[in-house]
C-alpha atoms as a PDB file:
ATOM      1  CA  MET A   1     -34.420  73.273  75.369  1.00  0.00           C
ATOM      2  CA  PRO A   2     -34.664  69.643  74.165  1.00  0.00           C
ATOM      3  CA  GLN A   3     -34.379  66.804  77.109  1.00  0.00           C
ATOM      4  CA  ALA A   4     -31.765  63.929  76.748  1.00  0.00           C
ATOM      5  CA  THR A   5     -33.539  60.552  76.390  1.00  0.00           C
ATOM      6  CA  GLU A   6     -32.339  57.507  76.544  1.00  0.00           C
ATOM      7  CA  ARG A   7     -33.266  54.104  75.237  1.00  0.00           C
ATOM      8  CA  VAL A   8     -33.435  51.648  78.019  1.00  0.00           C
ATOM      9  CA  LYS A   9     -33.814  47.982  76.821  1.00  0.00           C
ATOM     10  CA  MET A  10     -34.386  45.195  79.780  1.00  0.00           C
ATOM     11  CA  THR A  11     -34.632  41.232  78.856  1.00  0.00           C
ATOM     12  CA  VAL A  12     -35.368  38.430  81.666  1.00  0.00           C
ATOM     13  CA  GLY A  13     -35.772  34.831  81.177  1.00  0.00           C
ATOM     14  CA  LEU A  14     -35.856  31.431  83.113  1.00  0.00           C
ATOM     15  CA  THR A  15     -35.338  27.813  82.095  1.00  0.00           C
ATOM     16  CA  LEU A  16     -37.712  25.437  83.119  1.00  0.00           C
ATOM     17  CA  ASN A  17     -36.888  21.364  83.715  1.00  0.00           C
ATOM     18  CA  LEU A  18     -39.498  19.747  81.774  1.00  0.00           C
ATOM     19  CA  GLY A  19     -38.234  16.365  83.116  1.00  0.00           C
ATOM     20  CA  ASP A  20     -36.976  13.321  80.928  1.00  0.00           C
ATOM     21  CA  TYR A  21     -33.469  15.700  80.272  1.00  0.00           C
ATOM     22  CA  GLN A  22     -36.541  17.859  78.023  1.00  0.00           C
ATOM     23  CA  SER A  23     -36.305  21.930  79.367  1.00  0.00           C
ATOM     24  CA  MET A  24     -37.940  24.920  77.948  1.00  0.00           C
ATOM     25  CA  ARG A  25     -37.066  28.650  77.976  1.00  0.00           C
ATOM     26  CA  VAL A  26     -39.386  31.676  78.473  1.00  0.00           C
ATOM     27  CA  ASP A  27     -37.717  35.164  77.966  1.00  0.00           C
ATOM     28  CA  VAL A  28     -40.280  38.884  78.053  1.00  0.00           C
ATOM     29  CA  GLY A  29     -38.744  41.461  77.447  1.00  0.00           C
ATOM     30  CA  LEU A  30     -39.309  45.705  76.981  1.00  0.00           C
ATOM     31  CA  GLU A  31     -37.766  48.557  75.458  1.00  0.00           C
ATOM     32  CA  ARG A  32     -38.337  51.946  75.748  1.00  0.00           C
ATOM     33  CA  GLU A  33     -37.361  55.876  75.305  1.00  0.00           C
ATOM     34  CA  CYS A  34     -37.119  57.876  79.174  1.00  0.00           C
ATOM     35  CA  ASP A  35     -35.479  61.381  80.005  1.00  0.00           C
ATOM     36  CA  SER A  36     -32.280  60.697  80.954  1.00  0.00           C
ATOM     37  CA  LYS A  37     -33.349  62.117  83.912  1.00  0.00           C
ATOM     38  CA  TYR A  38     -35.852  59.300  85.228  1.00  0.00           C
ATOM     39  CA  MET A  39     -33.770  55.906  83.769  1.00  0.00           C
ATOM     40  CA  GLU A  40     -33.345  54.397  87.352  1.00  0.00           C
ATOM     41  CA  ASP A  41     -37.035  55.048  87.999  1.00  0.00           C
ATOM     42  CA  GLU A  42     -37.396  53.286  84.366  1.00  0.00           C
ATOM     43  CA  PHE A  43     -35.311  50.185  85.352  1.00  0.00           C
ATOM     44  CA  ASP A  44     -36.960  49.775  88.347  1.00  0.00           C
ATOM     45  CA  ASN A  45     -40.747  49.941  86.420  1.00  0.00           C
ATOM     46  CA  MET A  46     -39.422  47.577  83.845  1.00  0.00           C
ATOM     47  CA  GLN A  47     -38.107  44.838  86.161  1.00  0.00           C
ATOM     48  CA  LYS A  48     -41.683  44.925  87.899  1.00  0.00           C
ATOM     49  CA  GLU A  49     -43.362  44.864  84.782  1.00  0.00           C
ATOM     50  CA  LEU A  50     -40.943  42.014  83.149  1.00  0.00           C
ATOM     51  CA  SER A  51     -41.364  39.948  86.271  1.00  0.00           C
ATOM     52  CA  GLU A  52     -45.305  40.085  86.386  1.00  0.00           C
ATOM     53  CA  GLN A  53     -45.371  39.159  82.587  1.00  0.00           C
ATOM     54  CA  LEU A  54     -43.057  36.229  82.925  1.00  0.00           C
ATOM     55  CA  GLU A  55     -44.632  34.863  86.063  1.00  0.00           C
ATOM     56  CA  LYS A  56     -47.761  34.642  84.087  1.00  0.00           C
ATOM     57  CA  ALA A  57     -45.945  33.287  80.833  1.00  0.00           C
ATOM     58  CA  VAL A  58     -44.619  30.719  83.299  1.00  0.00           C
ATOM     59  CA  GLU A  59     -47.756  29.585  84.391  1.00  0.00           C
ATOM     60  CA  GLY A  60     -49.375  29.592  81.087  1.00  0.00           C
ATOM     61  CA  PHE A  61     -46.854  27.304  79.985  1.00  0.00           C
ATOM     62  CA  GLU A  62     -46.964  24.904  82.835  1.00  0.00           C
ATOM     63  CA  LYS A  63     -50.879  24.869  82.418  1.00  0.00           C
ATOM     64  CA  LYS A  64     -50.222  23.662  78.824  1.00  0.00           C
ATOM     65  CA  THR A  65     -47.136  21.267  79.781  1.00  0.00           C
ATOM     66  CA  ARG A  66     -49.319  19.584  82.915  1.00  0.00           C
ATOM     67  CA  LYS A  67     -52.047  18.954  79.768  1.00  0.00           C
ATOM     68  CA  LEU A  68     -49.448  17.390  77.235  1.00  0.00           C
ATOM     69  CA  THR A  69     -48.156  15.465  80.045  1.00  0.00           C
ATOM     70  CA  LYS A  70     -51.483  13.849  80.657  1.00  0.00           C
ATOM     71  CA  ARG A  71     -52.122  12.278  77.278  1.00  0.00           C
ATOM     72  CA  SER A  72     -48.992  10.993  76.887  1.00  0.00           C
END
């Protein structure tokens, strides 16, 4: 008997204030298929992964932004 699967999708984002009335939006997302009975666990796993990826992305953009503002 085939197992029931669900498509699980989650996206998180953050808007960063760059100063001088400028901002930048960073979004990360995942989409997976999982067994229906493990859907809640999959959401928890995705939330953890996305939080880590968002943090890495923000840190990378902040480094680049600092370099750009030093040139000005």
